[in-house]
C-alpha atoms as a PDB file:
ATOM      1  CA  MET A   1      13.023  -9.416  23.467  1.00  0.00           C
ATOM      2  CA  LYS A   2       9.717  -8.647  25.178  1.00  0.00           C
ATOM      3  CA  ASP A   3       8.449  -5.783  27.275  1.00  0.00           C
ATOM      4  CA  ALA A   4       6.657  -6.033  30.630  1.00  0.00           C
ATOM      5  CA  MET A   5       3.279  -6.441  28.905  1.00  0.00           C
ATOM      6  CA  GLY A   6       4.533  -9.529  27.102  1.00  0.00           C
ATOM      7  CA  ALA A   7       4.478  -7.949  23.666  1.00  0.00           C
ATOM      8  CA  THR A   8       7.545  -7.916  21.490  1.00  0.00           C
ATOM      9  CA  THR A   9       9.366  -4.585  21.480  1.00  0.00           C
ATOM     10  CA  TRP A  10       8.538  -3.651  17.904  1.00  0.00           C
ATOM     11  CA  GLN A  11       4.845  -4.283  18.541  1.00  0.00           C
ATOM     12  CA  HIS A  12       5.011  -2.063  21.613  1.00  0.00           C
ATOM     13  CA  GLU A  13       6.722   0.659  19.566  1.00  0.00           C
ATOM     14  CA  ARG A  14       4.141   0.325  16.799  1.00  0.00           C
ATOM     15  CA  ALA A  15       1.202   0.720  19.175  1.00  0.00           C
ATOM     16  CA  ALA A  16       2.819   3.709  20.906  1.00  0.00           C
ATOM     17  CA  ARG A  17       3.685   5.426  17.620  1.00  0.00           C
ATOM     18  CA  LEU A  18       0.227   4.934  16.105  1.00  0.00           C
ATOM     19  CA  HIS A  19      -1.386   6.217  19.298  1.00  0.00           C
ATOM     20  CA  PHE A  20       0.855   9.307  19.166  1.00  0.00           C
ATOM     21  CA  ILE A  21       0.109   9.921  15.461  1.00  0.00           C
ATOM     22  CA  CYS A  22      -3.636   9.638  16.052  1.00  0.00           C
ATOM     23  CA  GLN A  23      -3.361  12.154  18.892  1.00  0.00           C
ATOM     24  CA  LEU A  24      -1.560  14.581  16.551  1.00  0.00           C
ATOM     25  CA  ILE A  25      -4.224  14.077  13.878  1.00  0.00           C
ATOM     26  CA  LYS A  26      -6.916  14.794  16.468  1.00  0.00           C
ATOM     27  CA  GLN A  27      -5.142  18.028  17.468  1.00  0.00           C
ATOM     28  CA  ARG A  28      -4.961  19.174  13.838  1.00  0.00           C
ATOM     29  CA  VAL A  29      -8.629  18.399  13.255  1.00  0.00           C
ATOM     30  CA  ALA A  30      -9.500  20.339  16.409  1.00  0.00           C
ATOM     31  CA  LYS A  31      -7.648  23.338  14.966  1.00  0.00           C
ATOM     32  CA  GLY A  32      -9.824  23.220  11.850  1.00  0.00           C
ATOM     33  CA  HIS A  33      -7.694  21.133   9.469  1.00  0.00           C
ATOM     34  CA  ALA A  34      -9.427  18.615   7.216  1.00  0.00           C
ATOM     35  CA  LEU A  35      -9.106  15.038   8.467  1.00  0.00           C
ATOM     36  CA  LEU A  36      -7.757  13.588   5.210  1.00  0.00           C
ATOM     37  CA  LYS A  37      -5.228  16.405   4.862  1.00  0.00           C
ATOM     38  CA  ALA A  38      -3.896  15.701   8.359  1.00  0.00           C
ATOM     39  CA  ILE A  39      -3.759  11.981   7.597  1.00  0.00           C
ATOM     40  CA  ARG A  40      -1.814  12.619   4.369  1.00  0.00           C
ATOM     41  CA  ILE A  41       0.766  14.698   6.247  1.00  0.00           C
ATOM     42  CA  PHE A  42       1.528  11.950   8.763  1.00  0.00           C
ATOM     43  CA  SER A  43       1.301   9.227   6.129  1.00  0.00           C
ATOM     44  CA  ARG A  44       4.080  10.907   4.119  1.00  0.00           C
ATOM     45  CA  ARG A  45       6.121  11.385   7.285  1.00  0.00           C
ATOM     46  CA  TRP A  46       5.902   7.838   8.656  1.00  0.00           C
ATOM     47  CA  ASN A  47       5.135   5.463   5.802  1.00  0.00           C
ATOM     48  CA  HIS A  48       7.956   2.914   5.251  1.00  0.00           C
ATOM     49  CA  LYS A  49      10.043   4.239   8.164  1.00  0.00           C
ATOM     50  CA  SER A  50      11.922   1.557  10.075  1.00  0.00           C
ATOM     51  CA  PHE A  51      11.209   0.741  13.689  1.00  0.00           C
ATOM     52  CA  ARG A  52      13.909   1.857  16.093  1.00  0.00           C
ATOM     53  CA  SER A  53      13.610  -1.349  18.105  1.00  0.00           C
ATOM     54  CA  ASP A  54      13.806  -3.610  15.043  1.00  0.00           C
ATOM     55  CA  PRO A  55      14.918  -2.062  11.717  1.00  0.00           C
ATOM     56  CA  ARG A  56      13.734  -5.170   9.852  1.00  0.00           C
ATOM     57  CA  HIS A  57      10.160  -4.026  10.414  1.00  0.00           C
ATOM     58  CA  ARG A  58       8.763  -0.902   8.785  1.00  0.00           C
ATOM     59  CA  PHE A  59       5.661   1.168   9.293  1.00  0.00           C
ATOM     60  CA  ALA A  60       3.019   0.492   6.646  1.00  0.00           C
ATOM     61  CA  LEU A  61       1.089   3.751   6.793  1.00  0.00           C
ATOM     62  CA  SER A  62      -0.458   4.572   3.461  1.00  0.00           C
ATOM     63  CA  VAL A  63      -3.284   7.111   3.561  1.00  0.00           C
ATOM     64  CA  SER A  64      -5.968   4.416   3.513  1.00  0.00           C
ATOM     65  CA  THR A  65      -4.196   2.351   6.191  1.00  0.00           C
ATOM     66  CA  LEU A  66      -3.712   5.322   8.477  1.00  0.00           C
ATOM     67  CA  TYR A  67      -7.358   6.307   8.006  1.00  0.00           C
ATOM     68  CA  ARG A  68      -8.377   2.775   9.020  1.00  0.00           C
ATOM     69  CA  HIS A  69      -6.148   2.982  12.093  1.00  0.00           C
ATOM     70  CA  TRP A  70      -7.681   6.360  12.953  1.00  0.00           C
ATOM     71  CA  ARG A  71     -11.207   4.922  12.808  1.00  0.00           C
ATOM     72  CA  SER A  72     -10.221   1.906  14.912  1.00  0.00           C
ATOM     73  CA  TRP A  73      -8.561   4.195  17.467  1.00  0.00           C
ATOM     74  CA  ARG A  74     -11.684   6.387  17.728  1.00  0.00           C
ATOM     75  CA  LEU A  75     -14.033   3.409  18.028  1.00  0.00           C
ATOM     76  CA  ALA A  76     -11.849   1.792  20.719  1.00  0.00           C
ATOM     77  CA  GLY A  77     -11.981   4.912  22.870  1.00  0.00           C
ATOM     78  CA  GLU A  78      -8.751   6.561  21.715  1.00  0.00           C
ATOM     79  CA  VAL A  79      -6.516   4.210  23.656  1.00  0.00           C
ATOM     80  CA  ARG A  80      -3.178   2.691  22.717  1.00  0.00           C
ATOM     81  CA  SER A  81      -4.482  -0.856  23.182  1.00  0.00           C
ATOM     82  CA  ALA A  82      -6.517  -0.346  19.977  1.00  0.00           C
ATOM     83  CA  PHE A  83      -3.298  -1.095  18.081  1.00  0.00           C
ATOM     84  CA  ARG A  84      -2.311  -4.205  19.984  1.00  0.00           C
ATOM     85  CA  LEU A  85      -1.562  -7.003  17.547  1.00  0.00           C
ATOM     86  CA  ASN A  86      -2.513 -10.597  18.133  1.00  0.00           C
ATOM     87  CA  TYR A  87       0.788 -11.479  16.543  1.00  0.00           C
ATOM     88  CA  PHE A  88       2.357 -14.898  16.734  1.00  0.00           C
ATOM     89  CA  SER A  89       5.418 -16.068  14.912  1.00  0.00           C
ATOM     90  CA  ARG A  90       4.534 -18.253  11.958  1.00  0.00           C
ATOM     91  CA  ARG A  91       4.287 -21.860  12.960  1.00  0.00           C
ATOM     92  CA  TYR A  92       6.539 -24.326  11.281  1.00  0.00           C
ATOM     93  CA  ILE A  93       4.870 -27.422   9.867  1.00  0.00           C
ATOM     94  CA  PRO A  94       6.668 -30.750  10.405  1.00  0.00           C
ATOM     95  CA  ALA A  95       8.423 -32.075   7.323  1.00  0.00           C
ATOM     96  CA  PRO A  96       6.376 -35.336   7.113  1.00  0.00           C
ATOM     97  CA  VAL A  97       3.136 -33.321   6.938  1.00  0.00           C
ATOM     98  CA  LEU A  98       4.526 -31.041   4.227  1.00  0.00           C
ATOM     99  CA  VAL A  99       5.801 -34.037   2.261  1.00  0.00           C
ATOM    100  CA  ARG A 100       2.343 -35.650   2.351  1.00  0.00           C
ATOM    101  CA  PHE A 101       0.814 -32.381   1.185  1.00  0.00           C
ATOM    102  CA  VAL A 102       3.250 -32.145  -1.730  1.00  0.00           C
ATOM    103  CA  GLU A 103       2.539 -35.781  -2.663  1.00  0.00           C
ATOM    104  CA  LEU A 104      -1.196 -35.028  -2.738  1.00  0.00           C
ATOM    105  CA  CYS A 105      -0.618 -31.985  -4.967  1.00  0.00           C
ATOM    106  CA  ALA A 106       1.572 -34.071  -7.278  1.00  0.00           C
ATOM    107  CA  ARG A 107      -1.091 -36.786  -7.620  1.00  0.00           C
ATOM    108  CA  GLN A 108      -4.162 -34.581  -8.034  1.00  0.00           C
ATOM    109  CA  LYS A 109      -4.919 -31.312  -9.789  1.00  0.00           C
ATOM    110  CA  PHE A 110      -6.188 -28.397  -7.716  1.00  0.00           C
ATOM    111  CA  PRO A 111      -7.240 -24.974  -8.993  1.00  0.00           C
ATOM    112  CA  SER A 112      -5.410 -23.185  -6.176  1.00  0.00           C
ATOM    113  CA  LEU A 113      -3.214 -23.703  -3.135  1.00  0.00           C
ATOM    114  CA  GLY A 114      -6.182 -22.903  -0.895  1.00  0.00           C
ATOM    115  CA  ALA A 115      -8.258 -25.655  -2.528  1.00  0.00           C
ATOM    116  CA  ALA A 116      -5.386 -28.107  -2.075  1.00  0.00           C
ATOM    117  CA  CYS A 117      -5.059 -27.087   1.588  1.00  0.00           C
ATOM    118  CA  ARG A 118      -8.782 -27.656   2.216  1.00  0.00           C
ATOM    119  CA  ALA A 119      -8.714 -31.039   0.489  1.00  0.00           C
ATOM    120  CA  PHE A 120      -5.668 -32.068   2.517  1.00  0.00           C
ATOM    121  CA  CYS A 121      -7.261 -31.041   5.826  1.00  0.00           C
ATOM    122  CA  ARG A 122     -10.413 -33.057   5.055  1.00  0.00           C
ATOM    123  CA  ARG A 123      -8.356 -36.249   4.803  1.00  0.00           C
ATOM    124  CA  ARG A 124      -7.865 -38.223   7.992  1.00  0.00           C
ATOM    125  CA  GLY A 125      -4.424 -38.831   9.406  1.00  0.00           C
ATOM    126  CA  ASN A 126      -2.711 -36.039   7.479  1.00  0.00           C
ATOM    127  CA  HIS A 127      -1.991 -33.669  10.315  1.00  0.00           C
ATOM    128  CA  GLY A 128       1.043 -35.593  11.489  1.00  0.00           C
ATOM    129  CA  PRO A 129       2.968 -35.341  14.772  1.00  0.00           C
ATOM    130  CA  GLY A 130       1.141 -33.408  17.454  1.00  0.00           C
ATOM    131  CA  ARG A 131      -1.917 -33.042  15.155  1.00  0.00           C
ATOM    132  CA  VAL A 132      -0.609 -29.849  13.584  1.00  0.00           C
ATOM    133  CA  LYS A 133      -3.352 -27.793  11.982  1.00  0.00           C
ATOM    134  CA  LEU A 134      -2.462 -26.959   8.437  1.00  0.00           C
ATOM    135  CA  GLY A 135      -3.374 -23.365   7.642  1.00  0.00           C
ATOM    136  CA  TYR A 136      -3.035 -21.473   4.386  1.00  0.00           C
ATOM    137  CA  ALA A 137      -0.670 -18.855   5.858  1.00  0.00           C
ATOM    138  CA  ALA A 138       1.509 -21.535   7.450  1.00  0.00           C
ATOM    139  CA  LEU A 139       1.643 -23.396   4.135  1.00  0.00           C
ATOM    140  CA  CYS A 140       2.738 -20.278   2.259  1.00  0.00           C
ATOM    141  CA  TRP A 141       5.453 -19.721   4.857  1.00  0.00           C
ATOM    142  CA  ASN A 142       6.775 -23.287   4.955  1.00  0.00           C
ATOM    143  CA  LEU A 143       6.561 -24.427   1.331  1.00  0.00           C
ATOM    144  CA  PRO A 144       9.416 -23.524  -1.018  1.00  0.00           C
ATOM    145  CA  ARG A 145       8.473 -20.412  -2.953  1.00  0.00           C
ATOM    146  CA  GLY A 146       6.706 -21.145  -6.217  1.00  0.00           C
ATOM    147  CA  SER A 147       6.537 -24.896  -5.573  1.00  0.00           C
ATOM    148  CA  PHE A 148       2.768 -25.209  -6.050  1.00  0.00           C
ATOM    149  CA  ALA A 149       2.857 -23.101  -9.227  1.00  0.00           C
ATOM    150  CA  GLU A 150       5.689 -25.253 -10.589  1.00  0.00           C
ATOM    151  CA  LEU A 151       3.704 -28.415  -9.849  1.00  0.00           C
ATOM    152  CA  LYS A 152       0.721 -26.959 -11.718  1.00  0.00           C
ATOM    153  CA  ARG A 153       2.924 -26.054 -14.700  1.00  0.00           C
ATOM    154  CA  GLN A 154       4.371 -29.556 -14.861  1.00  0.00           C
ATOM    155  CA  GLN A 155       0.915 -31.150 -14.509  1.00  0.00           C
ATOM    156  CA  LYS A 156      -0.295 -29.017 -17.407  1.00  0.00           C
ATOM    157  CA  ALA A 157       2.727 -30.075 -19.468  1.00  0.00           C
ATOM    158  CA  VAL A 158       2.042 -33.747 -18.642  1.00  0.00           C
ATOM    159  CA  SER A 159      -1.629 -33.365 -19.650  1.00  0.00           C
ATOM    160  CA  GLN A 160      -0.615 -31.785 -22.945  1.00  0.00           C
ATOM    161  CA  ALA A 161       1.940 -34.540 -23.564  1.00  0.00           C
ATOM    162  CA  ARG A 162      -0.695 -37.216 -22.846  1.00  0.00           C
ATOM    163  CA  ARG A 163      -3.115 -35.578 -25.272  1.00  0.00           C
ATOM    164  CA  GLN A 164      -0.373 -35.437 -27.899  1.00  0.00           C
ATOM    165  CA  ILE A 165       0.470 -39.104 -27.296  1.00  0.00           C
ATOM    166  CA  GLU A 166      -3.216 -40.023 -27.721  1.00  0.00           C
ATOM    167  CA  ILE A 167      -3.400 -38.064 -30.996  1.00  0.00           C
ATOM    168  CA  LEU A 168      -0.265 -39.820 -32.270  1.00  0.00           C
ATOM    169  CA  ARG A 169      -1.627 -43.220 -31.192  1.00  0.00           C
ATOM    170  CA  LEU A 170      -4.816 -42.698 -33.171  1.00  0.00           C
ATOM    171  CA  LYS A 171      -2.862 -41.389 -36.167  1.00  0.00           C
ATOM    172  CA  PHE A 172      -0.419 -44.282 -36.223  1.00  0.00           C
ATOM    173  CA  THR A 173      -3.205 -46.820 -35.645  1.00  0.00           C
ATOM    174  CA  ALA A 174      -5.140 -45.455 -38.638  1.00  0.00           C
ATOM    175  CA  ALA A 175      -1.996 -45.522 -40.816  1.00  0.00           C
ATOM    176  CA  ILE A 176      -1.216 -49.110 -39.839  1.00  0.00           C
ATOM    177  CA  ARG A 177      -4.756 -50.302 -40.555  1.00  0.00           C
ATOM    178  CA  ALA A 178      -4.653 -48.560 -43.956  1.00  0.00           C
ATOM    179  CA  ARG A 179      -1.405 -50.243 -44.973  1.00  0.00           C
ATOM    180  CA  VAL A 180      -1.477 -53.633 -43.304  1.00  0.00           C
ATOM    181  CA  PRO A 181      -4.362 -56.177 -43.480  1.00  0.00           C
ATOM    182  CA  ASP A 182      -5.827 -57.574 -40.288  1.00  0.00           C
ATOM    183  CA  ARG A 183      -4.821 -61.143 -41.245  1.00  0.00           C
ATOM    184  CA  LEU A 184      -1.882 -62.220 -43.269  1.00  0.00           C
ATOM    185  CA  PRO A 185      -2.668 -64.672 -46.129  1.00  0.00           C
ATOM    186  CA  ARG A 186      -1.933 -68.307 -45.426  1.00  0.00           C
ATOM    187  CA  GLN A 187       1.271 -69.615 -46.935  1.00  0.00           C
ATOM    188  CA  ARG A 188       1.108 -73.064 -48.519  1.00  0.00           C
ATOM    189  CA  MET A 189       3.824 -75.343 -47.285  1.00  0.00           C
ATOM    190  CA  LYS A 190       5.634 -77.355 -50.009  1.00  0.00           C
ATOM    191  CA  PRO A 191       5.665 -81.102 -49.299  1.00  0.00           C
ATOM    192  CA  GLU A 192       9.094 -82.337 -48.405  1.00  0.00           C
ATOM    193  CA  GLY A 193      10.513 -85.230 -50.440  1.00  0.00           C
ATOM    194  CA  ASP A 194      10.814 -88.663 -48.762  1.00  0.00           C
ATOM    195  CA  PHE A 195      14.167 -90.210 -49.549  1.00  0.00           C
ATOM    196  CA  GLN A 196      13.788 -93.361 -47.470  1.00  0.00           C
ATOM    197  CA  ILE A 197      14.487 -96.651 -49.285  1.00  0.00           C
END
């Protein structure tokens, strides 16, 4: 559901509530209260409270966050539009693009998901249907949770197993060379008897 301004209802409520809180803080400061003390009061009152329009969303108003909002509000001219969010729902990435990304991560080692994302975007033809731009936030949203970390764990386990196999190969090779000569001695063949008359 959207309001007349085109913003979702919870965003509209957020902007209105922050504007109201900043006005109350300004009134307290005008009466001689310390700014941080006023901010702490309203932080305790509103932090983690649910939105009326959408209870799934909650106000994140720690003291530092509310202080940042206060500064932004003052710099913007003490208007409600200072709290307008450029919020868009997270974009879904087509499955073929995600599959190609996972295949790249399975084939190569990357120090982080961000590094893998940058490497993937540098490759041609990876953006799939509609040339979807692959962003880090979109990746985090669309990939199964913990999938990249699990791939890294398995790659580490494979590397350790390969090192162990190489150690065993060298060990067994040395043992074989110590026990068995390079060439077996020639065996003399006994002449067969000729019984023709």
